[in-house]
Amino acid sequence: MSQPDRRNSVAPSLEAARPIDRLLAIMARLRDPQTGCAWDLEQTFASIAPYTVEEAYEVADAIERGDLADLKEELGDLLLQVVFHSRMAEEDGHFAFDDVANAISAKMIRRHPHVFGDADYRSSAEQTEAWEETKAAERADKGRNASLLDDVPAGLPALTRAVKLTKRAARVGFDWPHVDFVLAKLEEEIGELRAEIAAGDAALAREELGDVLFVMANLARKLDIEPEDALRSTNAKFARRFRFIEAALAERGKTPEQSDLDEMDALWDAAKAAEKA
């Protein structure tokens, strides 16, 4: 059944009572071919996609910092991305924002029969198993049953995708039984990386480094740690301590370029000690 052509649909008013209707009206105005914004009119799904990903990370960053005021703003920015994509789809006659909202509502009801139906799960593990069975049935209905891994999005951050790939494989028993096995595999992969570095083979070193990172992602899954979150936290820690070094050098009338590794390494240790004090 073909989708209705909504290119000439009437946009909500800028004075709409509901905030979401007002936002939809703003986006419609921005995309108006005659009176809209040139930049907004030039955008496509592909050109906007990086901004969508970036805004999701901004949301995660606000949560990490515990800044709820910033979180409110970043969630708005992320919502704008959904509205933007929906508006472009509506203009092409594919779907509109309401269709997106209705689709996710139907999915959540379908995937929570214990809340919206008469299913009765005795534990969270049983609920998770039923959730995965429902998702598998949905994939089969869409013809996505060639592989268990088929609908793990290729566009995810690599570490996140690695976790999801190994999690999927683990469902059918393709998994190390204990974290010690993962650590042993990590040591093995590091040894192989060392060998390729010593051999001077950059291409194989790149491949072995990828293997190391993949095992690290698998280790994170086994420890129930989100690797992107862990690395984001370490990035923040590195930036915080490096700023400490810069400030300490500035007090000595120096810049990092005028320092050396020994001095900066000592200041790094001082930064660590200050955080523990």
C-alpha atoms as a PDB file:
ATOM      1  CA  MET A   1       0.000   0.000   0.000  1.00  0.00           C
ATOM      2  CA  SER A   2       1.501   3.342  -1.046  1.00  0.00           C
ATOM      3  CA  GLN A   3       2.073   6.106   1.475  1.00  0.00           C
ATOM      4  CA  PRO A   4      -0.068   9.253   1.224  1.00  0.00           C
ATOM      5  CA  ASP A   5       1.524  12.299  -0.344  1.00  0.00           C
ATOM      6  CA  ARG A   6       1.912  14.822   2.468  1.00  0.00           C
ATOM      7  CA  ARG A   7       3.996  17.409   0.637  1.00  0.00           C
ATOM      8  CA  ASN A   8       1.111  19.856   0.614  1.00  0.00           C
ATOM      9  CA  SER A   9      -0.150  19.100   4.129  1.00  0.00           C
ATOM     10  CA  VAL A  10      -0.999  22.037   6.343  1.00  0.00           C
ATOM     11  CA  ALA A  11       1.679  22.669   8.955  1.00  0.00           C
ATOM     12  CA  PRO A  12       0.737  23.329  12.586  1.00  0.00           C
ATOM     13  CA  SER A  13       0.620  26.960  13.677  1.00  0.00           C
ATOM     14  CA  LEU A  14       3.609  28.687  15.258  1.00  0.00           C
ATOM     15  CA  GLU A  15       1.170  29.638  18.019  1.00  0.00           C
ATOM     16  CA  ALA A  16       0.100  26.014  18.598  1.00  0.00           C
ATOM     17  CA  ALA A  17      -0.826  25.185  22.183  1.00  0.00           C
ATOM     18  CA  ARG A  18       1.149  21.943  22.321  1.00  0.00           C
ATOM     19  CA  PRO A  19       4.949  22.425  22.361  1.00  0.00           C
ATOM     20  CA  ILE A  20       5.507  19.559  19.917  1.00  0.00           C
ATOM     21  CA  ASP A  21       3.055  21.105  17.436  1.00  0.00           C
ATOM     22  CA  ARG A  22       4.900  24.410  17.676  1.00  0.00           C
ATOM     23  CA  LEU A  23       8.218  22.678  17.018  1.00  0.00           C
ATOM     24  CA  LEU A  24       6.735  20.889  14.003  1.00  0.00           C
ATOM     25  CA  ALA A  25       5.463  24.237  12.708  1.00  0.00           C
ATOM     26  CA  ILE A  26       8.890  25.815  13.128  1.00  0.00           C
ATOM     27  CA  MET A  27      10.531  23.026  11.150  1.00  0.00           C
ATOM     28  CA  ALA A  28       7.888  23.280   8.435  1.00  0.00           C
ATOM     29  CA  ARG A  29       8.589  27.019   8.176  1.00  0.00           C
ATOM     30  CA  LEU A  30      12.343  26.434   8.004  1.00  0.00           C
ATOM     31  CA  ARG A  31      11.818  23.956   5.158  1.00  0.00           C
ATOM     32  CA  ASP A  32       9.340  26.123   3.234  1.00  0.00           C
ATOM     33  CA  PRO A  33      10.640  26.327  -0.364  1.00  0.00           C
ATOM     34  CA  GLN A  34       9.697  29.994  -0.724  1.00  0.00           C
ATOM     35  CA  THR A  35      10.260  31.536   2.705  1.00  0.00           C
ATOM     36  CA  GLY A  36      12.415  28.997   4.543  1.00  0.00           C
ATOM     37  CA  CYS A  37      16.074  28.894   5.546  1.00  0.00           C
ATOM     38  CA  ALA A  38      18.511  28.172   2.708  1.00  0.00           C
ATOM     39  CA  TRP A  39      20.694  25.959   4.910  1.00  0.00           C
ATOM     40  CA  ASP A  40      17.786  23.873   6.200  1.00  0.00           C
ATOM     41  CA  LEU A  41      16.429  23.460   2.668  1.00  0.00           C
ATOM     42  CA  GLU A  42      19.769  22.133   1.428  1.00  0.00           C
ATOM     43  CA  GLN A  43      19.889  19.324   3.972  1.00  0.00           C
ATOM     44  CA  THR A  44      19.230  15.648   3.283  1.00  0.00           C
ATOM     45  CA  PHE A  45      18.941  12.579   5.485  1.00  0.00           C
ATOM     46  CA  ALA A  46      22.627  11.868   4.847  1.00  0.00           C
ATOM     47  CA  SER A  47      23.826  15.394   5.615  1.00  0.00           C
ATOM     48  CA  ILE A  48      21.820  15.577   8.849  1.00  0.00           C
ATOM     49  CA  ALA A  49      22.780  12.100  10.100  1.00  0.00           C
ATOM     50  CA  PRO A  50      26.148  13.202  11.600  1.00  0.00           C
ATOM     51  CA  TYR A  51      24.377  15.935  13.568  1.00  0.00           C
ATOM     52  CA  THR A  52      21.896  13.366  14.875  1.00  0.00           C
ATOM     53  CA  VAL A  53      24.730  11.197  16.166  1.00  0.00           C
ATOM     54  CA  GLU A  54      26.517  14.228  17.612  1.00  0.00           C
ATOM     55  CA  GLU A  55      23.423  15.354  19.501  1.00  0.00           C
ATOM     56  CA  ALA A  56      23.008  11.881  21.014  1.00  0.00           C
ATOM     57  CA  TYR A  57      26.560  12.147  22.328  1.00  0.00           C
ATOM     58  CA  GLU A  58      25.823  15.612  23.709  1.00  0.00           C
ATOM     59  CA  VAL A  59      22.930  14.082  25.663  1.00  0.00           C
ATOM     60  CA  ALA A  60      25.249  11.395  27.035  1.00  0.00           C
ATOM     61  CA  ASP A  61      27.813  14.042  27.973  1.00  0.00           C
ATOM     62  CA  ALA A  62      25.251  16.094  29.911  1.00  0.00           C
ATOM     63  CA  ILE A  63      24.215  12.956  31.797  1.00  0.00           C
ATOM     64  CA  GLU A  64      27.851  12.099  32.526  1.00  0.00           C
ATOM     65  CA  ARG A  65      28.384  15.605  33.953  1.00  0.00           C
ATOM     66  CA  GLY A  66      25.146  15.469  35.939  1.00  0.00           C
ATOM     67  CA  ASP A  67      24.066  18.772  34.362  1.00  0.00           C
ATOM     68  CA  LEU A  68      20.279  18.518  34.213  1.00  0.00           C
ATOM     69  CA  ALA A  69      19.815  22.039  32.835  1.00  0.00           C
ATOM     70  CA  ASP A  70      22.131  21.165  29.956  1.00  0.00           C
ATOM     71  CA  LEU A  71      20.421  17.787  29.583  1.00  0.00           C
ATOM     72  CA  LYS A  72      17.087  19.562  28.999  1.00  0.00           C
ATOM     73  CA  GLU A  73      18.648  21.633  26.227  1.00  0.00           C
ATOM     74  CA  GLU A  74      20.467  18.679  24.644  1.00  0.00           C
ATOM     75  CA  LEU A  75      17.324  16.543  24.647  1.00  0.00           C
ATOM     76  CA  GLY A  76      15.637  19.375  22.781  1.00  0.00           C
ATOM     77  CA  ASP A  77      18.447  19.378  20.224  1.00  0.00           C
ATOM     78  CA  LEU A  78      18.050  15.620  19.813  1.00  0.00           C
ATOM     79  CA  LEU A  79      14.272  15.946  19.441  1.00  0.00           C
ATOM     80  CA  LEU A  80      14.863  18.532  16.727  1.00  0.00           C
ATOM     81  CA  GLN A  81      16.817  15.918  14.788  1.00  0.00           C
ATOM     82  CA  VAL A  82      13.834  13.546  14.875  1.00  0.00           C
ATOM     83  CA  VAL A  83      11.551  16.362  13.744  1.00  0.00           C
ATOM     84  CA  PHE A  84      13.988  17.317  10.961  1.00  0.00           C
ATOM     85  CA  HIS A  85      14.197  13.775   9.551  1.00  0.00           C
ATOM     86  CA  SER A  86      10.440  13.353   9.867  1.00  0.00           C
ATOM     87  CA  ARG A  87       9.762  16.605   8.026  1.00  0.00           C
ATOM     88  CA  MET A  88      12.004  15.629   5.107  1.00  0.00           C
ATOM     89  CA  ALA A  89      10.279  12.245   4.901  1.00  0.00           C
ATOM     90  CA  GLU A  90       6.875  13.945   4.996  1.00  0.00           C
ATOM     91  CA  GLU A  91       7.832  16.254   2.146  1.00  0.00           C
ATOM     92  CA  ASP A  92       8.702  13.198   0.038  1.00  0.00           C
ATOM     93  CA  GLY A  93       5.417  11.510   0.928  1.00  0.00           C
ATOM     94  CA  HIS A  94       6.907   8.681   3.004  1.00  0.00           C
ATOM     95  CA  PHE A  95       5.898   9.301   6.618  1.00  0.00           C
ATOM     96  CA  ALA A  96       5.415  12.127   9.117  1.00  0.00           C
ATOM     97  CA  PHE A  97       6.269  12.746  12.755  1.00  0.00           C
ATOM     98  CA  ASP A  98       2.991  11.241  13.957  1.00  0.00           C
ATOM     99  CA  ASP A  99       3.812   8.039  12.076  1.00  0.00           C
ATOM    100  CA  VAL A 100       7.166   7.865  13.867  1.00  0.00           C
ATOM    101  CA  ALA A 101       5.487   8.368  17.254  1.00  0.00           C
ATOM    102  CA  ASN A 102       2.765   5.827  16.483  1.00  0.00           C
ATOM    103  CA  ALA A 103       5.309   3.257  15.293  1.00  0.00           C
ATOM    104  CA  ILE A 104       7.408   3.435  18.472  1.00  0.00           C
ATOM    105  CA  SER A 105       4.264   3.375  20.623  1.00  0.00           C
ATOM    106  CA  ALA A 106       3.081   0.210  18.884  1.00  0.00           C
ATOM    107  CA  LYS A 107       6.514  -1.357  19.239  1.00  0.00           C
ATOM    108  CA  MET A 108       6.738  -0.624  22.972  1.00  0.00           C
ATOM    109  CA  ILE A 109       3.285  -2.085  23.586  1.00  0.00           C
ATOM    110  CA  ARG A 110       4.145  -5.160  21.499  1.00  0.00           C
ATOM    111  CA  ARG A 111       7.435  -5.686  23.343  1.00  0.00           C
ATOM    112  CA  HIS A 112       5.906  -5.292  26.821  1.00  0.00           C
ATOM    113  CA  PRO A 113       3.075  -7.832  26.932  1.00  0.00           C
ATOM    114  CA  HIS A 114       3.623  -8.171  30.687  1.00  0.00           C
ATOM    115  CA  VAL A 115       2.606  -4.520  31.088  1.00  0.00           C
ATOM    116  CA  PHE A 116       0.048  -4.036  28.315  1.00  0.00           C
ATOM    117  CA  GLY A 117      -1.137  -7.635  27.970  1.00  0.00           C
ATOM    118  CA  ASP A 118      -1.538 -10.789  30.013  1.00  0.00           C
ATOM    119  CA  ALA A 119       2.015 -12.167  29.932  1.00  0.00           C
ATOM    120  CA  ASP A 120       3.558 -13.011  33.284  1.00  0.00           C
ATOM    121  CA  TYR A 121       7.363 -13.141  33.603  1.00  0.00           C
ATOM    122  CA  ARG A 122       8.868 -14.469  36.799  1.00  0.00           C
ATOM    123  CA  SER A 123      12.223 -12.685  36.486  1.00  0.00           C
ATOM    124  CA  SER A 124      14.046  -9.985  34.535  1.00  0.00           C
ATOM    125  CA  ALA A 125      16.023 -12.729  32.779  1.00  0.00           C
ATOM    126  CA  GLU A 126      12.802 -14.344  31.579  1.00  0.00           C
ATOM    127  CA  GLN A 127      11.551 -10.957  30.438  1.00  0.00           C
ATOM    128  CA  THR A 128      14.794 -10.310  28.526  1.00  0.00           C
ATOM    129  CA  GLU A 129      14.528 -13.691  26.807  1.00  0.00           C
ATOM    130  CA  ALA A 130      10.960 -12.914  25.740  1.00  0.00           C
ATOM    131  CA  TRP A 131      12.063  -9.466  24.525  1.00  0.00           C
ATOM    132  CA  GLU A 132      14.718 -11.021  22.295  1.00  0.00           C
ATOM    133  CA  GLU A 133      12.245 -13.579  20.966  1.00  0.00           C
ATOM    134  CA  THR A 134       9.874 -10.751  20.042  1.00  0.00           C
ATOM    135  CA  LYS A 135      12.662  -8.880  18.269  1.00  0.00           C
ATOM    136  CA  ALA A 136      13.649 -12.042  16.387  1.00  0.00           C
ATOM    137  CA  ALA A 137      10.063 -12.496  15.243  1.00  0.00           C
ATOM    138  CA  GLU A 138       9.989  -8.882  14.065  1.00  0.00           C
ATOM    139  CA  ARG A 139      13.190  -9.414  12.080  1.00  0.00           C
ATOM    140  CA  ALA A 140      11.737 -12.540  10.504  1.00  0.00           C
ATOM    141  CA  ASP A 141       8.585 -10.649   9.522  1.00  0.00           C
ATOM    142  CA  LYS A 142      10.807  -8.118   7.745  1.00  0.00           C
ATOM    143  CA  GLY A 143      12.741 -10.870   5.982  1.00  0.00           C
ATOM    144  CA  ARG A 144      15.817 -10.259   8.116  1.00  0.00           C
ATOM    145  CA  ASN A 145      16.447 -13.847   9.139  1.00  0.00           C
ATOM    146  CA  ALA A 146      19.597 -14.590   7.132  1.00  0.00           C
ATOM    147  CA  SER A 147      21.849 -13.990  10.122  1.00  0.00           C
ATOM    148  CA  LEU A 148      21.479 -13.271  13.802  1.00  0.00           C
ATOM    149  CA  LEU A 149      23.778 -10.286  13.256  1.00  0.00           C
ATOM    150  CA  ASP A 150      22.036  -8.729  10.276  1.00  0.00           C
ATOM    151  CA  ASP A 151      20.277  -5.864  12.037  1.00  0.00           C
ATOM    152  CA  VAL A 152      23.167  -4.740  14.242  1.00  0.00           C
ATOM    153  CA  PRO A 153      23.618  -1.291  12.636  1.00  0.00           C
ATOM    154  CA  ALA A 154      26.917  -0.836  10.818  1.00  0.00           C
ATOM    155  CA  GLY A 155      26.830   2.871  11.619  1.00  0.00           C
ATOM    156  CA  LEU A 156      27.161   2.401  15.385  1.00  0.00           C
ATOM    157  CA  PRO A 157      30.388   3.484  17.086  1.00  0.00           C
ATOM    158  CA  ALA A 158      32.786   0.586  16.572  1.00  0.00           C
ATOM    159  CA  LEU A 159      33.137  -0.337  20.258  1.00  0.00           C
ATOM    160  CA  THR A 160      29.377  -0.271  20.765  1.00  0.00           C
ATOM    161  CA  ARG A 161      28.826  -2.422  17.670  1.00  0.00           C
ATOM    162  CA  ALA A 162      31.456  -4.897  18.865  1.00  0.00           C
ATOM    163  CA  VAL A 163      29.569  -5.290  22.144  1.00  0.00           C
ATOM    164  CA  LYS A 164      26.281  -5.836  20.320  1.00  0.00           C
ATOM    165  CA  LEU A 165      27.795  -8.343  17.884  1.00  0.00           C
ATOM    166  CA  THR A 166      29.304 -10.448  20.664  1.00  0.00           C
ATOM    167  CA  LYS A 167      26.122 -10.172  22.714  1.00  0.00           C
ATOM    168  CA  ARG A 168      24.109 -11.530  19.800  1.00  0.00           C
ATOM    169  CA  ALA A 169      26.551 -14.393  19.260  1.00  0.00           C
ATOM    170  CA  ALA A 170      26.498 -15.174  22.984  1.00  0.00           C
ATOM    171  CA  ARG A 171      22.764 -15.873  22.791  1.00  0.00           C
ATOM    172  CA  VAL A 172      23.442 -19.029  20.829  1.00  0.00           C
ATOM    173  CA  GLY A 173      26.383 -20.104  22.998  1.00  0.00           C
ATOM    174  CA  PHE A 174      29.230 -18.557  21.006  1.00  0.00           C
ATOM    175  CA  ASP A 175      30.881 -16.950  24.004  1.00  0.00           C
ATOM    176  CA  TRP A 176      33.712 -17.453  26.460  1.00  0.00           C
ATOM    177  CA  PRO A 177      32.387 -19.058  29.651  1.00  0.00           C
ATOM    178  CA  HIS A 178      34.377 -16.826  32.011  1.00  0.00           C
ATOM    179  CA  VAL A 179      36.122 -13.455  32.001  1.00  0.00           C
ATOM    180  CA  ASP A 180      39.494 -15.189  32.570  1.00  0.00           C
ATOM    181  CA  PHE A 181      39.226 -16.654  29.067  1.00  0.00           C
ATOM    182  CA  VAL A 182      38.728 -13.166  27.660  1.00  0.00           C
ATOM    183  CA  LEU A 183      41.765 -11.865  29.536  1.00  0.00           C
ATOM    184  CA  ALA A 184      43.843 -14.754  28.189  1.00  0.00           C
ATOM    185  CA  LYS A 185      42.662 -13.948  24.658  1.00  0.00           C
ATOM    186  CA  LEU A 186      43.565 -10.295  25.236  1.00  0.00           C
ATOM    187  CA  GLU A 187      47.119 -11.259  26.211  1.00  0.00           C
ATOM    188  CA  GLU A 188      47.322 -13.437  23.102  1.00  0.00           C
ATOM    189  CA  GLU A 189      46.166 -10.602  20.829  1.00  0.00           C
ATOM    190  CA  ILE A 190      48.589  -8.133  22.437  1.00  0.00           C
ATOM    191  CA  GLY A 191      51.394 -10.612  21.778  1.00  0.00           C
ATOM    192  CA  GLU A 192      50.386 -10.796  18.128  1.00  0.00           C
ATOM    193  CA  LEU A 193      50.262  -7.010  17.945  1.00  0.00           C
ATOM    194  CA  ARG A 194      53.762  -6.780  19.408  1.00  0.00           C
ATOM    195  CA  ALA A 195      55.017  -9.228  16.787  1.00  0.00           C
ATOM    196  CA  GLU A 196      53.593  -7.235  13.869  1.00  0.00           C
ATOM    197  CA  ILE A 197      54.945  -3.966  15.278  1.00  0.00           C
ATOM    198  CA  ALA A 198      58.385  -5.566  15.593  1.00  0.00           C
ATOM    199  CA  ALA A 199      58.087  -6.894  12.033  1.00  0.00           C
ATOM    200  CA  GLY A 200      57.282  -3.395  10.796  1.00  0.00           C
ATOM    201  CA  ASP A 201      54.109  -4.502   9.028  1.00  0.00           C
ATOM    202  CA  ALA A 202      51.733  -1.547   9.444  1.00  0.00           C
ATOM    203  CA  ALA A 203      48.785  -3.250   7.733  1.00  0.00           C
ATOM    204  CA  LEU A 204      48.940  -6.334   9.947  1.00  0.00           C
ATOM    205  CA  ALA A 205      49.591  -4.183  13.035  1.00  0.00           C
ATOM    206  CA  ARG A 206      46.382  -2.305  12.229  1.00  0.00           C
ATOM    207  CA  GLU A 207      44.492  -5.587  11.968  1.00  0.00           C
ATOM    208  CA  GLU A 208      45.922  -6.884  15.246  1.00  0.00           C
ATOM    209  CA  LEU A 209      45.102  -3.605  16.986  1.00  0.00           C
ATOM    210  CA  GLY A 210      41.523  -4.046  15.815  1.00  0.00           C
ATOM    211  CA  ASP A 211      41.538  -7.540  17.317  1.00  0.00           C
ATOM    212  CA  VAL A 212      42.778  -6.110  20.634  1.00  0.00           C
ATOM    213  CA  LEU A 213      40.018  -3.497  20.659  1.00  0.00           C
ATOM    214  CA  PHE A 214      37.404  -6.118  19.779  1.00  0.00           C
ATOM    215  CA  VAL A 215      38.484  -8.317  22.685  1.00  0.00           C
ATOM    216  CA  MET A 216      38.422  -5.257  24.954  1.00  0.00           C
ATOM    217  CA  ALA A 217      34.831  -4.595  23.901  1.00  0.00           C
ATOM    218  CA  ASN A 218      33.994  -8.214  24.639  1.00  0.00           C
ATOM    219  CA  LEU A 219      35.669  -7.893  28.037  1.00  0.00           C
ATOM    220  CA  ALA A 220      33.543  -4.821  28.753  1.00  0.00           C
ATOM    221  CA  ARG A 221      30.419  -6.813  27.912  1.00  0.00           C
ATOM    222  CA  LYS A 222      31.444  -9.631  30.222  1.00  0.00           C
ATOM    223  CA  LEU A 223      32.024  -7.103  33.016  1.00  0.00           C
ATOM    224  CA  ASP A 224      28.712  -5.353  32.232  1.00  0.00           C
ATOM    225  CA  ILE A 225      30.544  -2.113  31.462  1.00  0.00           C
ATOM    226  CA  GLU A 226      29.603   0.137  28.539  1.00  0.00           C
ATOM    227  CA  PRO A 227      32.978   0.684  26.815  1.00  0.00           C
ATOM    228  CA  GLU A 228      31.982   4.014  25.253  1.00  0.00           C
ATOM    229  CA  ASP A 229      31.031   5.313  28.702  1.00  0.00           C
ATOM    230  CA  ALA A 230      34.250   3.986  30.244  1.00  0.00           C
ATOM    231  CA  LEU A 231      36.404   5.559  27.541  1.00  0.00           C
ATOM    232  CA  ARG A 232      34.455   8.825  27.671  1.00  0.00           C
ATOM    233  CA  SER A 233      35.123   8.987  31.410  1.00  0.00           C
ATOM    234  CA  THR A 234      38.822   8.329  30.862  1.00  0.00           C
ATOM    235  CA  ASN A 235      38.942  11.001  28.155  1.00  0.00           C
ATOM    236  CA  ALA A 236      37.510  13.488  30.637  1.00  0.00           C
ATOM    237  CA  LYS A 237      40.028  12.388  33.263  1.00  0.00           C
ATOM    238  CA  PHE A 238      42.916  12.803  30.824  1.00  0.00           C
ATOM    239  CA  ALA A 239      41.736  16.286  29.823  1.00  0.00           C
ATOM    240  CA  ARG A 240      41.302  17.270  33.479  1.00  0.00           C
ATOM    241  CA  ARG A 241      44.798  16.136  34.454  1.00  0.00           C
ATOM    242  CA  PHE A 242      46.426  17.664  31.388  1.00  0.00           C
ATOM    243  CA  ARG A 243      44.818  21.005  32.221  1.00  0.00           C
ATOM    244  CA  PHE A 244      46.351  20.627  35.702  1.00  0.00           C
ATOM    245  CA  ILE A 245      49.759  20.240  34.032  1.00  0.00           C
ATOM    246  CA  GLU A 246      49.175  23.324  31.883  1.00  0.00           C
ATOM    247  CA  ALA A 247      48.122  25.384  34.913  1.00  0.00           C
ATOM    248  CA  ALA A 248      51.088  24.218  36.988  1.00  0.00           C
ATOM    249  CA  LEU A 249      53.506  25.030  34.174  1.00  0.00           C
ATOM    250  CA  ALA A 250      51.888  28.438  33.726  1.00  0.00           C
ATOM    251  CA  GLU A 251      52.609  29.188  37.400  1.00  0.00           C
ATOM    252  CA  ARG A 252      56.257  28.440  36.602  1.00  0.00           C
ATOM    253  CA  GLY A 253      56.135  30.801  33.663  1.00  0.00           C
ATOM    254  CA  LYS A 254      56.297  27.953  31.159  1.00  0.00           C
ATOM    255  CA  THR A 255      54.193  26.288  28.474  1.00  0.00           C
ATOM    256  CA  PRO A 256      54.043  22.552  27.695  1.00  0.00           C
ATOM    257  CA  GLU A 257      56.264  23.213  24.670  1.00  0.00           C
ATOM    258  CA  GLN A 258      58.914  24.627  27.009  1.00  0.00           C
ATOM    259  CA  SER A 259      58.723  21.634  29.337  1.00  0.00           C
ATOM    260  CA  ASP A 260      59.849  18.037  28.933  1.00  0.00           C
ATOM    261  CA  LEU A 261      58.341  14.615  29.553  1.00  0.00           C
ATOM    262  CA  ASP A 262      59.947  14.138  32.968  1.00  0.00           C
ATOM    263  CA  GLU A 263      58.548  17.412  34.303  1.00  0.00           C
ATOM    264  CA  MET A 264      55.095  16.868  32.827  1.00  0.00           C
ATOM    265  CA  ASP A 265      55.006  13.266  34.043  1.00  0.00           C
ATOM    266  CA  ALA A 266      55.789  14.451  37.586  1.00  0.00           C
ATOM    267  CA  LEU A 267      52.974  16.990  37.327  1.00  0.00           C
ATOM    268  CA  TRP A 268      50.660  14.230  36.060  1.00  0.00           C
ATOM    269  CA  ASP A 269      51.408  12.286  39.234  1.00  0.00           C
ATOM    270  CA  ALA A 270      50.687  15.434  41.234  1.00  0.00           C
ATOM    271  CA  ALA A 271      47.346  15.776  39.476  1.00  0.00           C
ATOM    272  CA  LYS A 272      46.480  12.175  40.399  1.00  0.00           C
ATOM    273  CA  ALA A 273      47.458  12.780  43.997  1.00  0.00           C
ATOM    274  CA  ALA A 274      45.369  15.961  44.127  1.00  0.00           C
ATOM    275  CA  GLU A 275      42.297  14.064  42.925  1.00  0.00           C
ATOM    276  CA  LYS A 276      42.739  11.467  45.668  1.00  0.00           C
ATOM    277  CA  ALA A 277      43.272  14.040  48.412  1.00  0.00           C
END
